[in-house]
Amino acid sequence: MAPSPPPPPASTAGTEQDPGDSPQGGTPGPPPAAHRCSRFALSSAVCVLCGRADVNPDTFGRIFDQIWFWVHEFCLIFANISFDERPTEEGTVGLDLSVLAHTVKRANQKQCCVCGERGAAITCAESGCARSFHLPCAKDGQCITQFFGEHRSFCFEHRLRQTAVTAPAKGTTCAICQGAVGNIASYHTLACPVCKHAWFHRGCIQQQALNDGMACFRCPVCQDNALFHIEMSIIGIQIPDRTPAREDNRAYGLLQRHRRCDAVVCFYHGGRELAEEEGPWQLILCSSCGAESTHRQCSHSSIRMNMWDCDRCAGLGTGKRQ
């Protein structure tokens, strides 16, 4: 049985097999790993759980420096090891060393389903699946980790997939980098579950999420954020709870530049420069150019839809509402 999604509203993600992931059919095999994880070792130079010395905070989180070892924050989280944020005499955070030692011993008996090396502390959450992997191997092996709720992880076979989207039309490009996307929804090719015609590479939408943070992350085309957040989180996109990383990133720039209503006549009592978070006086961007915005009520746009084209893009006198 496929893992059930978290409590938020229903998503289009499921566990059906992507045809593009297993060309010959049958149980999919992991793609070749781009690197080999070093064998687990207790060393001050590497993470005690994954055996890697990498310090990229986007991939590994914070570094917790203990007296006799150090460990990545995300390696702890996805190995289901809790910690106390308060520093102790033993290091940066408070850890139950007996739990950690048990996890390390157990992981050292398991082979990573991606690189084949031992020391794989992250296990697939699918009932009955014995696969384990190292955190840095997840991307190479098309495994996912969910950065919310129970922080579940899934192997390449059992990861949740988008199912309620059709294949992209021939010639479809990534809405972010404008590069060509695959001809079917897959681990590397994702779609917006709301407008369904915005496609992007996993790497591109992940980088946008890291840049934008929870407050500004949304579909780059239809600008939906609620359902888009849920779907992307379920399929393994990390959306940090922070403000945009760079003030000149595209999403932050659009949000700030278009905080005004560009309708011919603005009916909002607060004026063009003000708006509300939801309802008829919410501002929505032109879904085609992103260069203009309007209060929903000022352009008679449905509260249930996030699609609106400005006059220039629609070629109409009042803009095209969808």
C-alpha atoms as a PDB file:
ATOM      1  CA  MET A   1       0.000   0.000   0.000  1.00  0.00           C
ATOM      2  CA  ALA A   2       1.289   3.480  -0.874  1.00  0.00           C
ATOM      3  CA  PRO A   3       2.211   5.758   2.029  1.00  0.00           C
ATOM      4  CA  SER A   4      -0.618   8.105   2.916  1.00  0.00           C
ATOM      5  CA  PRO A   5      -0.101  11.818   2.510  1.00  0.00           C
ATOM      6  CA  PRO A   6       0.044  14.107   5.526  1.00  0.00           C
ATOM      7  CA  PRO A   7      -2.986  15.831   7.065  1.00  0.00           C
ATOM      8  CA  PRO A   8      -3.107  18.875   4.695  1.00  0.00           C
ATOM      9  CA  PRO A   9      -5.630  18.957   1.801  1.00  0.00           C
ATOM     10  CA  ALA A  10      -5.524  16.218  -0.803  1.00  0.00           C
ATOM     11  CA  SER A  11      -2.647  16.288  -3.258  1.00  0.00           C
ATOM     12  CA  THR A  12      -2.144  14.779  -6.682  1.00  0.00           C
ATOM     13  CA  ALA A  13       0.949  12.921  -5.519  1.00  0.00           C
ATOM     14  CA  GLY A  14       0.747   9.119  -5.393  1.00  0.00           C
ATOM     15  CA  THR A  15       2.969   6.092  -5.528  1.00  0.00           C
ATOM     16  CA  GLU A  16       2.277   4.864  -9.045  1.00  0.00           C
ATOM     17  CA  GLN A  17       5.359   3.869 -11.033  1.00  0.00           C
ATOM     18  CA  ASP A  18       6.688   6.436 -13.482  1.00  0.00           C
ATOM     19  CA  PRO A  19       6.958   4.802 -16.910  1.00  0.00           C
ATOM     20  CA  GLY A  20      10.006   6.945 -17.554  1.00  0.00           C
ATOM     21  CA  ASP A  21      11.771   5.547 -14.477  1.00  0.00           C
ATOM     22  CA  SER A  22      11.787   1.912 -15.604  1.00  0.00           C
ATOM     23  CA  PRO A  23      11.919   1.627 -19.423  1.00  0.00           C
ATOM     24  CA  GLN A  24      11.880  -2.184 -19.325  1.00  0.00           C
ATOM     25  CA  GLY A  25       9.008  -2.373 -16.838  1.00  0.00           C
ATOM     26  CA  GLY A  26       8.933  -4.347 -13.612  1.00  0.00           C
ATOM     27  CA  THR A  27      10.590  -3.323 -10.378  1.00  0.00           C
ATOM     28  CA  PRO A  28      12.797  -0.299 -11.025  1.00  0.00           C
ATOM     29  CA  GLY A  29      16.466  -0.381 -10.232  1.00  0.00           C
ATOM     30  CA  PRO A  30      18.393   2.532  -8.824  1.00  0.00           C
ATOM     31  CA  PRO A  31      20.222   4.719 -11.327  1.00  0.00           C
ATOM     32  CA  PRO A  32      24.033   4.684 -11.202  1.00  0.00           C
ATOM     33  CA  ALA A  33      25.379   6.685  -8.296  1.00  0.00           C
ATOM     34  CA  ALA A  34      27.374   9.772  -9.145  1.00  0.00           C
ATOM     35  CA  HIS A  35      29.594   9.174  -6.148  1.00  0.00           C
ATOM     36  CA  ARG A  36      30.499   6.468  -3.662  1.00  0.00           C
ATOM     37  CA  CYS A  37      30.001   7.212   0.003  1.00  0.00           C
ATOM     38  CA  SER A  38      33.029   6.509   2.127  1.00  0.00           C
ATOM     39  CA  ARG A  39      32.723   3.569   4.487  1.00  0.00           C
ATOM     40  CA  PHE A  40      31.335   4.591   7.866  1.00  0.00           C
ATOM     41  CA  ALA A  41      34.026   5.599  10.325  1.00  0.00           C
ATOM     42  CA  LEU A  42      34.071   7.334  13.668  1.00  0.00           C
ATOM     43  CA  SER A  43      36.136  10.345  12.757  1.00  0.00           C
ATOM     44  CA  SER A  44      36.099  13.999  13.655  1.00  0.00           C
ATOM     45  CA  ALA A  45      36.472  14.743   9.927  1.00  0.00           C
ATOM     46  CA  VAL A  46      33.180  13.193   8.785  1.00  0.00           C
ATOM     47  CA  CYS A  47      29.550  12.943   9.878  1.00  0.00           C
ATOM     48  CA  VAL A  48      29.136   9.976  12.203  1.00  0.00           C
ATOM     49  CA  LEU A  49      25.971   8.904  10.329  1.00  0.00           C
ATOM     50  CA  CYS A  50      26.624   9.419   6.605  1.00  0.00           C
ATOM     51  CA  GLY A  51      30.438   9.332   6.595  1.00  0.00           C
ATOM     52  CA  ARG A  52      30.655  12.517   4.545  1.00  0.00           C
ATOM     53  CA  ALA A  53      32.614  15.675   5.305  1.00  0.00           C
ATOM     54  CA  ASP A  54      30.311  17.952   3.271  1.00  0.00           C
ATOM     55  CA  VAL A  55      29.034  21.067   5.024  1.00  0.00           C
ATOM     56  CA  ASN A  56      26.488  22.419   2.505  1.00  0.00           C
ATOM     57  CA  PRO A  57      23.621  23.626   4.762  1.00  0.00           C
ATOM     58  CA  ASP A  58      21.011  23.219   2.007  1.00  0.00           C
ATOM     59  CA  THR A  59      21.788  19.500   1.730  1.00  0.00           C
ATOM     60  CA  PHE A  60      22.881  18.603   5.245  1.00  0.00           C
ATOM     61  CA  GLY A  61      21.518  21.309   7.521  1.00  0.00           C
ATOM     62  CA  ARG A  62      23.605  22.510  10.438  1.00  0.00           C
ATOM     63  CA  ILE A  63      26.767  20.859  11.722  1.00  0.00           C
ATOM     64  CA  PHE A  64      26.513  19.662  15.329  1.00  0.00           C
ATOM     65  CA  ASP A  65      29.978  19.485  16.849  1.00  0.00           C
ATOM     66  CA  GLN A  66      30.102  17.086  19.775  1.00  0.00           C
ATOM     67  CA  ILE A  67      33.120  16.187  21.926  1.00  0.00           C
ATOM     68  CA  TRP A  68      34.138  13.014  20.104  1.00  0.00           C
ATOM     69  CA  PHE A  69      32.321  13.351  16.778  1.00  0.00           C
ATOM     70  CA  TRP A  70      30.220  15.641  14.638  1.00  0.00           C
ATOM     71  CA  VAL A  71      26.990  14.970  12.805  1.00  0.00           C
ATOM     72  CA  HIS A  72      24.743  16.608  10.207  1.00  0.00           C
ATOM     73  CA  GLU A  73      21.395  17.974  11.391  1.00  0.00           C
ATOM     74  CA  PHE A  74      19.432  16.377   8.522  1.00  0.00           C
ATOM     75  CA  CYS A  75      21.193  13.027   8.991  1.00  0.00           C
ATOM     76  CA  LEU A  76      19.892  13.000  12.570  1.00  0.00           C
ATOM     77  CA  ILE A  77      16.388  14.030  11.556  1.00  0.00           C
ATOM     78  CA  PHE A  78      15.960  11.441   8.805  1.00  0.00           C
ATOM     79  CA  ALA A  79      17.519   8.713  10.948  1.00  0.00           C
ATOM     80  CA  ASN A  80      14.723   9.548  13.428  1.00  0.00           C
ATOM     81  CA  ILE A  81      17.089  10.639  16.190  1.00  0.00           C
ATOM     82  CA  SER A  82      15.762  13.482  18.308  1.00  0.00           C
ATOM     83  CA  PHE A  83      18.003  16.139  19.827  1.00  0.00           C
ATOM     84  CA  ASP A  84      17.773  19.030  22.246  1.00  0.00           C
ATOM     85  CA  GLU A  85      18.674  22.416  20.760  1.00  0.00           C
ATOM     86  CA  ARG A  86      20.270  23.555  24.014  1.00  0.00           C
ATOM     87  CA  PRO A  87      24.078  23.112  24.125  1.00  0.00           C
ATOM     88  CA  THR A  88      25.438  20.683  26.702  1.00  0.00           C
ATOM     89  CA  GLU A  89      28.851  19.818  28.091  1.00  0.00           C
ATOM     90  CA  GLU A  90      29.063  17.150  25.407  1.00  0.00           C
ATOM     91  CA  GLY A  91      28.574  19.435  22.438  1.00  0.00           C
ATOM     92  CA  THR A  92      26.433  21.752  20.342  1.00  0.00           C
ATOM     93  CA  VAL A  93      23.157  19.912  21.058  1.00  0.00           C
ATOM     94  CA  GLY A  94      21.847  17.393  23.534  1.00  0.00           C
ATOM     95  CA  LEU A  95      21.803  13.831  22.157  1.00  0.00           C
ATOM     96  CA  ASP A  96      20.931  10.460  23.648  1.00  0.00           C
ATOM     97  CA  LEU A  97      24.248   8.769  22.918  1.00  0.00           C
ATOM     98  CA  SER A  98      22.827   5.274  23.482  1.00  0.00           C
ATOM     99  CA  VAL A  99      20.230   5.858  20.751  1.00  0.00           C
ATOM    100  CA  LEU A 100      22.861   7.270  18.421  1.00  0.00           C
ATOM    101  CA  ALA A 101      25.220   4.355  19.081  1.00  0.00           C
ATOM    102  CA  HIS A 102      22.420   1.856  18.373  1.00  0.00           C
ATOM    103  CA  THR A 103      21.560   3.635  15.114  1.00  0.00           C
ATOM    104  CA  VAL A 104      25.204   3.725  14.023  1.00  0.00           C
ATOM    105  CA  LYS A 105      25.621   0.002  14.780  1.00  0.00           C
ATOM    106  CA  ARG A 106      22.446  -0.901  12.898  1.00  0.00           C
ATOM    107  CA  ALA A 107      23.350   1.335   9.931  1.00  0.00           C
ATOM    108  CA  ASN A 108      26.787  -0.235   9.694  1.00  0.00           C
ATOM    109  CA  GLN A 109      25.081  -3.551   8.979  1.00  0.00           C
ATOM    110  CA  LYS A 110      23.032  -2.143   6.097  1.00  0.00           C
ATOM    111  CA  GLN A 111      24.103  -1.411   2.540  1.00  0.00           C
ATOM    112  CA  CYS A 112      22.994   1.751   0.814  1.00  0.00           C
ATOM    113  CA  CYS A 113      20.589   0.852  -2.014  1.00  0.00           C
ATOM    114  CA  VAL A 114      22.256   3.526  -4.152  1.00  0.00           C
ATOM    115  CA  CYS A 115      26.036   3.351  -3.658  1.00  0.00           C
ATOM    116  CA  GLY A 116      26.307  -0.130  -2.158  1.00  0.00           C
ATOM    117  CA  GLU A 117      28.405   0.973   0.813  1.00  0.00           C
ATOM    118  CA  ARG A 118      27.499   0.284   4.435  1.00  0.00           C
ATOM    119  CA  GLY A 119      26.493   2.863   7.023  1.00  0.00           C
ATOM    120  CA  ALA A 120      23.076   3.684   5.522  1.00  0.00           C
ATOM    121  CA  ALA A 121      21.068   5.168   8.419  1.00  0.00           C
ATOM    122  CA  ILE A 122      17.978   6.325   6.509  1.00  0.00           C
ATOM    123  CA  THR A 123      15.345   3.659   5.855  1.00  0.00           C
ATOM    124  CA  CYS A 124      12.386   3.623   3.464  1.00  0.00           C
ATOM    125  CA  ALA A 125       9.101   4.319   5.274  1.00  0.00           C
ATOM    126  CA  GLU A 126       7.136   1.911   3.069  1.00  0.00           C
ATOM    127  CA  SER A 127       5.923  -1.028   5.149  1.00  0.00           C
ATOM    128  CA  GLY A 128       7.914  -4.155   4.348  1.00  0.00           C
ATOM    129  CA  CYS A 129      10.674  -2.347   2.443  1.00  0.00           C
ATOM    130  CA  ALA A 130      14.172  -3.047   3.767  1.00  0.00           C
ATOM    131  CA  ARG A 131      16.035  -0.500   1.635  1.00  0.00           C
ATOM    132  CA  SER A 132      18.274   2.054   3.315  1.00  0.00           C
ATOM    133  CA  PHE A 133      20.402   4.877   1.950  1.00  0.00           C
ATOM    134  CA  HIS A 134      22.790   7.656   2.909  1.00  0.00           C
ATOM    135  CA  LEU A 135      21.371  11.179   2.889  1.00  0.00           C
ATOM    136  CA  PRO A 136      23.821  12.426   0.191  1.00  0.00           C
ATOM    137  CA  CYS A 137      22.917   9.406  -1.981  1.00  0.00           C
ATOM    138  CA  ALA A 138      19.184  10.231  -2.041  1.00  0.00           C
ATOM    139  CA  LYS A 139      19.328  12.488  -5.103  1.00  0.00           C
ATOM    140  CA  ASP A 140      21.512  10.119  -7.128  1.00  0.00           C
ATOM    141  CA  GLY A 141      19.227   7.207  -6.291  1.00  0.00           C
ATOM    142  CA  GLN A 142      15.959   9.091  -6.937  1.00  0.00           C
ATOM    143  CA  CYS A 143      14.962   8.642  -3.293  1.00  0.00           C
ATOM    144  CA  ILE A 144      13.121  11.386  -1.415  1.00  0.00           C
ATOM    145  CA  THR A 145      13.057  12.837   2.082  1.00  0.00           C
ATOM    146  CA  GLN A 146      10.072  14.815   3.372  1.00  0.00           C
ATOM    147  CA  PHE A 147      10.917  17.931   5.379  1.00  0.00           C
ATOM    148  CA  PHE A 148       7.692  18.038   7.396  1.00  0.00           C
ATOM    149  CA  GLY A 149       5.604  15.990   9.819  1.00  0.00           C
ATOM    150  CA  GLU A 150       7.232  12.657  10.623  1.00  0.00           C
ATOM    151  CA  HIS A 151      10.124  13.382   8.223  1.00  0.00           C
ATOM    152  CA  ARG A 152       9.566  10.194   6.260  1.00  0.00           C
ATOM    153  CA  SER A 153      11.949   8.950   3.585  1.00  0.00           C
ATOM    154  CA  PHE A 154      11.247   6.727   0.584  1.00  0.00           C
ATOM    155  CA  CYS A 155      13.415   4.690  -1.749  1.00  0.00           C
ATOM    156  CA  PHE A 156      13.353   4.972  -5.557  1.00  0.00           C
ATOM    157  CA  GLU A 157      10.560   2.380  -5.831  1.00  0.00           C
ATOM    158  CA  HIS A 158       8.228   3.700  -3.151  1.00  0.00           C
ATOM    159  CA  ARG A 159       8.691   7.461  -3.394  1.00  0.00           C
ATOM    160  CA  LEU A 160       5.469   9.377  -3.942  1.00  0.00           C
ATOM    161  CA  ARG A 161       4.818  10.449  -7.504  1.00  0.00           C
ATOM    162  CA  GLN A 162       2.646  12.989  -9.244  1.00  0.00           C
ATOM    163  CA  THR A 163      -0.288  11.205 -10.854  1.00  0.00           C
ATOM    164  CA  ALA A 164      -2.930  13.816 -11.712  1.00  0.00           C
ATOM    165  CA  VAL A 165      -0.887  15.478 -14.448  1.00  0.00           C
ATOM    166  CA  THR A 166      -0.726  14.664 -18.138  1.00  0.00           C
ATOM    167  CA  ALA A 167       2.482  14.398 -20.109  1.00  0.00           C
ATOM    168  CA  PRO A 168       3.950  17.762 -21.173  1.00  0.00           C
ATOM    169  CA  ALA A 169       3.352  18.809 -24.757  1.00  0.00           C
ATOM    170  CA  LYS A 170       6.200  18.397 -27.203  1.00  0.00           C
ATOM    171  CA  GLY A 171       8.678  21.232 -26.875  1.00  0.00           C
ATOM    172  CA  THR A 172       7.634  22.140 -23.314  1.00  0.00           C
ATOM    173  CA  THR A 173      10.365  23.929 -21.403  1.00  0.00           C
ATOM    174  CA  CYS A 174      11.122  24.446 -17.738  1.00  0.00           C
ATOM    175  CA  ALA A 175       9.292  27.513 -16.428  1.00  0.00           C
ATOM    176  CA  ILE A 176      12.407  28.514 -14.512  1.00  0.00           C
ATOM    177  CA  CYS A 177      15.490  27.815 -16.650  1.00  0.00           C
ATOM    178  CA  GLN A 178      13.699  27.540 -20.031  1.00  0.00           C
ATOM    179  CA  GLY A 179      15.535  24.295 -20.768  1.00  0.00           C
ATOM    180  CA  ALA A 180      13.737  21.284 -22.266  1.00  0.00           C
ATOM    181  CA  VAL A 181      11.901  18.990 -19.828  1.00  0.00           C
ATOM    182  CA  GLY A 182      11.284  15.260 -20.142  1.00  0.00           C
ATOM    183  CA  ASN A 183       8.306  13.913 -22.046  1.00  0.00           C
ATOM    184  CA  ILE A 184       6.635  12.522 -18.913  1.00  0.00           C
ATOM    185  CA  ALA A 185       6.285  13.341 -15.221  1.00  0.00           C
ATOM    186  CA  SER A 186       9.180  11.675 -13.400  1.00  0.00           C
ATOM    187  CA  TYR A 187      11.640  12.204 -10.572  1.00  0.00           C
ATOM    188  CA  HIS A 188      13.414  14.908 -12.570  1.00  0.00           C
ATOM    189  CA  THR A 189      10.366  16.428 -14.315  1.00  0.00           C
ATOM    190  CA  LEU A 190       7.652  17.969 -12.116  1.00  0.00           C
ATOM    191  CA  ALA A 191       4.456  19.908 -12.787  1.00  0.00           C
ATOM    192  CA  CYS A 192       2.285  22.355 -10.873  1.00  0.00           C
ATOM    193  CA  PRO A 193      -0.765  20.463  -9.505  1.00  0.00           C
ATOM    194  CA  VAL A 194      -2.934  23.583  -9.790  1.00  0.00           C
ATOM    195  CA  CYS A 195      -2.457  25.035 -13.277  1.00  0.00           C
ATOM    196  CA  LYS A 196      -1.060  21.705 -14.594  1.00  0.00           C
ATOM    197  CA  HIS A 197       0.774  23.373 -17.483  1.00  0.00           C
ATOM    198  CA  ALA A 198       3.759  24.718 -15.556  1.00  0.00           C
ATOM    199  CA  TRP A 199       6.632  22.237 -15.828  1.00  0.00           C
ATOM    200  CA  PHE A 200      10.064  22.451 -14.266  1.00  0.00           C
ATOM    201  CA  HIS A 201      13.145  20.411 -13.454  1.00  0.00           C
ATOM    202  CA  ARG A 202      13.345  19.113  -9.876  1.00  0.00           C
ATOM    203  CA  GLY A 203      16.685  20.835  -9.435  1.00  0.00           C
ATOM    204  CA  CYS A 204      15.281  24.168 -10.622  1.00  0.00           C
ATOM    205  CA  ILE A 205      12.191  24.165  -8.392  1.00  0.00           C
ATOM    206  CA  GLN A 206      14.278  22.969  -5.435  1.00  0.00           C
ATOM    207  CA  GLN A 207      16.677  25.878  -5.869  1.00  0.00           C
ATOM    208  CA  GLN A 208      13.761  28.291  -6.145  1.00  0.00           C
ATOM    209  CA  ALA A 209      12.321  26.901  -2.900  1.00  0.00           C
ATOM    210  CA  LEU A 210      15.656  27.364  -1.136  1.00  0.00           C
ATOM    211  CA  ASN A 211      15.953  30.916  -2.439  1.00  0.00           C
ATOM    212  CA  ASP A 212      12.351  31.960  -1.748  1.00  0.00           C
ATOM    213  CA  GLY A 213      11.665  30.274   1.574  1.00  0.00           C
ATOM    214  CA  MET A 214       8.219  29.400   2.890  1.00  0.00           C
ATOM    215  CA  ALA A 215       6.875  32.952   2.657  1.00  0.00           C
ATOM    216  CA  CYS A 216       7.464  33.496  -1.065  1.00  0.00           C
ATOM    217  CA  PHE A 217       7.644  30.027  -2.632  1.00  0.00           C
ATOM    218  CA  ARG A 218       4.888  29.495  -5.196  1.00  0.00           C
ATOM    219  CA  CYS A 219       4.247  28.186  -8.697  1.00  0.00           C
ATOM    220  CA  PRO A 220       6.334  30.335 -11.057  1.00  0.00           C
ATOM    221  CA  VAL A 221       3.423  30.484 -13.518  1.00  0.00           C
ATOM    222  CA  CYS A 222       0.031  30.533 -11.742  1.00  0.00           C
ATOM    223  CA  GLN A 223       1.437  31.884  -8.441  1.00  0.00           C
ATOM    224  CA  ASP A 224      -0.511  29.385  -6.316  1.00  0.00           C
ATOM    225  CA  ASN A 225       1.190  28.755  -2.988  1.00  0.00           C
ATOM    226  CA  ALA A 226      -1.101  26.655  -0.754  1.00  0.00           C
ATOM    227  CA  LEU A 227      -1.674  23.498  -2.805  1.00  0.00           C
ATOM    228  CA  PHE A 228       1.661  23.987  -4.545  1.00  0.00           C
ATOM    229  CA  HIS A 229       3.461  23.937  -1.162  1.00  0.00           C
ATOM    230  CA  ILE A 230       1.714  20.713  -0.163  1.00  0.00           C
ATOM    231  CA  GLU A 231       2.438  18.867  -3.409  1.00  0.00           C
ATOM    232  CA  MET A 232       6.065  19.913  -3.604  1.00  0.00           C
ATOM    233  CA  SER A 233       6.675  18.986   0.050  1.00  0.00           C
ATOM    234  CA  ILE A 234       5.130  15.548  -0.405  1.00  0.00           C
ATOM    235  CA  ILE A 235       7.337  14.713  -3.372  1.00  0.00           C
ATOM    236  CA  GLY A 236      10.496  15.733  -1.527  1.00  0.00           C
ATOM    237  CA  ILE A 237      11.099  19.433  -2.210  1.00  0.00           C
ATOM    238  CA  GLN A 238      12.653  21.155   0.802  1.00  0.00           C
ATOM    239  CA  ILE A 239      10.949  24.503   1.550  1.00  0.00           C
ATOM    240  CA  PRO A 240      12.838  26.217   4.385  1.00  0.00           C
ATOM    241  CA  ASP A 241      10.912  28.349   6.846  1.00  0.00           C
ATOM    242  CA  ARG A 242      12.755  31.563   6.136  1.00  0.00           C
ATOM    243  CA  THR A 243      12.535  34.760   4.084  1.00  0.00           C
ATOM    244  CA  PRO A 244      14.069  34.881   0.581  1.00  0.00           C
ATOM    245  CA  ALA A 245      17.795  34.179   0.525  1.00  0.00           C
ATOM    246  CA  ARG A 246      18.528  36.967  -1.947  1.00  0.00           C
ATOM    247  CA  GLU A 247      16.647  40.221  -2.361  1.00  0.00           C
ATOM    248  CA  ASP A 248      17.308  40.127  -6.106  1.00  0.00           C
ATOM    249  CA  ASN A 249      15.876  36.632  -6.675  1.00  0.00           C
ATOM    250  CA  ARG A 250      13.041  36.503  -9.197  1.00  0.00           C
ATOM    251  CA  ALA A 251      10.188  35.551  -6.883  1.00  0.00           C
ATOM    252  CA  TYR A 252      11.073  38.145  -4.257  1.00  0.00           C
ATOM    253  CA  GLY A 253      11.527  40.801  -6.924  1.00  0.00           C
ATOM    254  CA  LEU A 254       8.155  40.088  -8.489  1.00  0.00           C
ATOM    255  CA  LEU A 255       6.440  40.065  -5.124  1.00  0.00           C
ATOM    256  CA  GLN A 256       7.832  43.462  -4.194  1.00  0.00           C
ATOM    257  CA  ARG A 257       7.605  45.107  -7.614  1.00  0.00           C
ATOM    258  CA  HIS A 258       3.967  44.180  -8.186  1.00  0.00           C
ATOM    259  CA  ARG A 259       2.446  45.082  -4.871  1.00  0.00           C
ATOM    260  CA  ARG A 260      -0.082  47.312  -6.620  1.00  0.00           C
ATOM    261  CA  CYS A 261      -3.246  46.901  -8.654  1.00  0.00           C
ATOM    262  CA  ASP A 262      -2.774  47.676 -12.365  1.00  0.00           C
ATOM    263  CA  ALA A 263      -6.470  47.440 -13.333  1.00  0.00           C
ATOM    264  CA  VAL A 264      -7.868  50.360 -15.341  1.00  0.00           C
ATOM    265  CA  VAL A 265     -10.134  51.172 -12.378  1.00  0.00           C
ATOM    266  CA  CYS A 266      -9.208  49.988  -8.873  1.00  0.00           C
ATOM    267  CA  PHE A 267     -12.210  49.518  -6.564  1.00  0.00           C
ATOM    268  CA  TYR A 268     -10.365  48.665  -3.371  1.00  0.00           C
ATOM    269  CA  HIS A 269     -11.062  51.137  -0.558  1.00  0.00           C
ATOM    270  CA  GLY A 270      -7.407  51.020   0.478  1.00  0.00           C
ATOM    271  CA  GLY A 271      -6.157  52.001  -2.968  1.00  0.00           C
ATOM    272  CA  ARG A 272      -3.878  50.364  -5.522  1.00  0.00           C
ATOM    273  CA  GLU A 273      -0.913  49.960  -3.179  1.00  0.00           C
ATOM    274  CA  LEU A 274      -2.723  47.840  -0.579  1.00  0.00           C
ATOM    275  CA  ALA A 275      -4.123  44.329  -0.713  1.00  0.00           C
ATOM    276  CA  GLU A 276      -5.388  41.481   1.470  1.00  0.00           C
ATOM    277  CA  GLU A 277      -3.877  38.014   1.842  1.00  0.00           C
ATOM    278  CA  GLU A 278      -7.005  36.200   0.606  1.00  0.00           C
ATOM    279  CA  GLY A 279     -10.389  36.852  -0.959  1.00  0.00           C
ATOM    280  CA  PRO A 280     -11.564  39.400  -3.553  1.00  0.00           C
ATOM    281  CA  TRP A 281      -8.907  41.941  -2.630  1.00  0.00           C
ATOM    282  CA  GLN A 282      -5.949  39.606  -2.995  1.00  0.00           C
ATOM    283  CA  LEU A 283      -3.385  40.619  -5.616  1.00  0.00           C
ATOM    284  CA  ILE A 284      -2.636  38.109  -8.384  1.00  0.00           C
ATOM    285  CA  LEU A 285       0.085  38.382 -11.029  1.00  0.00           C
ATOM    286  CA  CYS A 286      -0.412  38.062 -14.766  1.00  0.00           C
ATOM    287  CA  SER A 287       0.107  34.336 -15.389  1.00  0.00           C
ATOM    288  CA  SER A 288       1.778  35.005 -18.749  1.00  0.00           C
ATOM    289  CA  CYS A 289       4.269  37.825 -18.187  1.00  0.00           C
ATOM    290  CA  GLY A 290       4.280  38.391 -14.423  1.00  0.00           C
ATOM    291  CA  ALA A 291       4.742  42.093 -15.134  1.00  0.00           C
ATOM    292  CA  GLU A 292       1.349  43.342 -13.870  1.00  0.00           C
ATOM    293  CA  SER A 293      -1.052  42.459 -11.084  1.00  0.00           C
ATOM    294  CA  THR A 294      -4.640  43.130 -10.087  1.00  0.00           C
ATOM    295  CA  HIS A 295      -7.022  42.749  -7.187  1.00  0.00           C
ATOM    296  CA  ARG A 296      -9.287  39.822  -8.035  1.00  0.00           C
ATOM    297  CA  GLN A 297     -12.402  41.999  -7.695  1.00  0.00           C
ATOM    298  CA  CYS A 298     -10.994  44.749  -9.904  1.00  0.00           C
ATOM    299  CA  SER A 299     -10.708  42.333 -12.827  1.00  0.00           C
ATOM    300  CA  HIS A 300     -13.622  40.064 -11.833  1.00  0.00           C
ATOM    301  CA  SER A 301     -11.310  37.092 -11.314  1.00  0.00           C
ATOM    302  CA  SER A 302     -12.723  34.037  -9.542  1.00  0.00           C
ATOM    303  CA  ILE A 303     -11.561  33.620  -5.948  1.00  0.00           C
ATOM    304  CA  ARG A 304     -11.076  29.913  -6.634  1.00  0.00           C
ATOM    305  CA  MET A 305      -8.668  30.458  -9.533  1.00  0.00           C
ATOM    306  CA  ASN A 306      -5.196  31.959  -9.710  1.00  0.00           C
ATOM    307  CA  MET A 307      -5.089  32.473 -13.468  1.00  0.00           C
ATOM    308  CA  TRP A 308      -5.349  35.983 -14.916  1.00  0.00           C
ATOM    309  CA  ASP A 309      -3.788  37.625 -17.978  1.00  0.00           C
ATOM    310  CA  CYS A 310      -3.206  41.349 -18.207  1.00  0.00           C
ATOM    311  CA  ASP A 311      -4.593  43.368 -21.145  1.00  0.00           C
ATOM    312  CA  ARG A 312      -1.325  43.189 -23.040  1.00  0.00           C
ATOM    313  CA  CYS A 313      -1.135  39.394 -22.829  1.00  0.00           C
ATOM    314  CA  ALA A 314      -4.856  38.717 -23.285  1.00  0.00           C
ATOM    315  CA  GLY A 315      -5.366  41.203 -26.092  1.00  0.00           C
ATOM    316  CA  LEU A 316      -8.660  42.217 -24.491  1.00  0.00           C
ATOM    317  CA  GLY A 317      -9.938  45.386 -22.926  1.00  0.00           C
ATOM    318  CA  THR A 318     -10.395  43.965 -19.461  1.00  0.00           C
ATOM    319  CA  GLY A 319      -7.864  41.142 -19.293  1.00  0.00           C
ATOM    320  CA  LYS A 320      -8.657  37.443 -19.606  1.00  0.00           C
ATOM    321  CA  ARG A 321     -10.038  35.730 -16.507  1.00  0.00           C
ATOM    322  CA  GLN A 322      -9.837  31.961 -16.167  1.00  0.00           C
END
